[in-house]
């Protein structure tokens, strides 16, 4: 039996979604899936391999100012027709600060994933909102203005550490999502 192929395309602004995508990729590989990770920041849409070559598709995006990355939004729009045909083996996830709080995950899934899917007429087999990282350390990737705003927020939020790396990702949730996707593909 030949290995099933999965493409995981993602858009990451500051690295959190990239790290989640790499972790999911590792888990898929351990489950005997052939995985191609594609950072949409570095790969033009016209350079992507044909999505028809893949048994499963995963899409990941960071969220900033209530939006998925531009590259992921373009991907979903451009490939909507193909993605519609893959709905039984299509999964999508986001990484955002709202999802750091488990009680807010349903709202994050609704506000940031379901709305974009509906706009493009896409249905998925799986979707999840993972927590994000707010890095306020000296060597953070955040730009000066964004960092100042976030520092102010951190000072007012008891769950955040001003000047620290605030990592709200739940790696067990991420692992479970990846393993469920493997099960879905191997049915």
Foldseek 3Di string as FASTA:
>chain_A
DDAAEEEEEEEDDFCFQVVLQVLLVVLLVVLRHHYHYHYLVPDPPVRDDDPVSGLAYEYEAEADPLEGDPSSLVVCQVCVVVQQVNQLRYEYEYEEQLVLDVVSWVVCCVSYPVVSCVVSVHHHNYYTYFYAKDALAPPGPDDPVVSVVVLVVQVVDPQHDRNHIRGSGDVVVSSVRSVVSSVSSVD
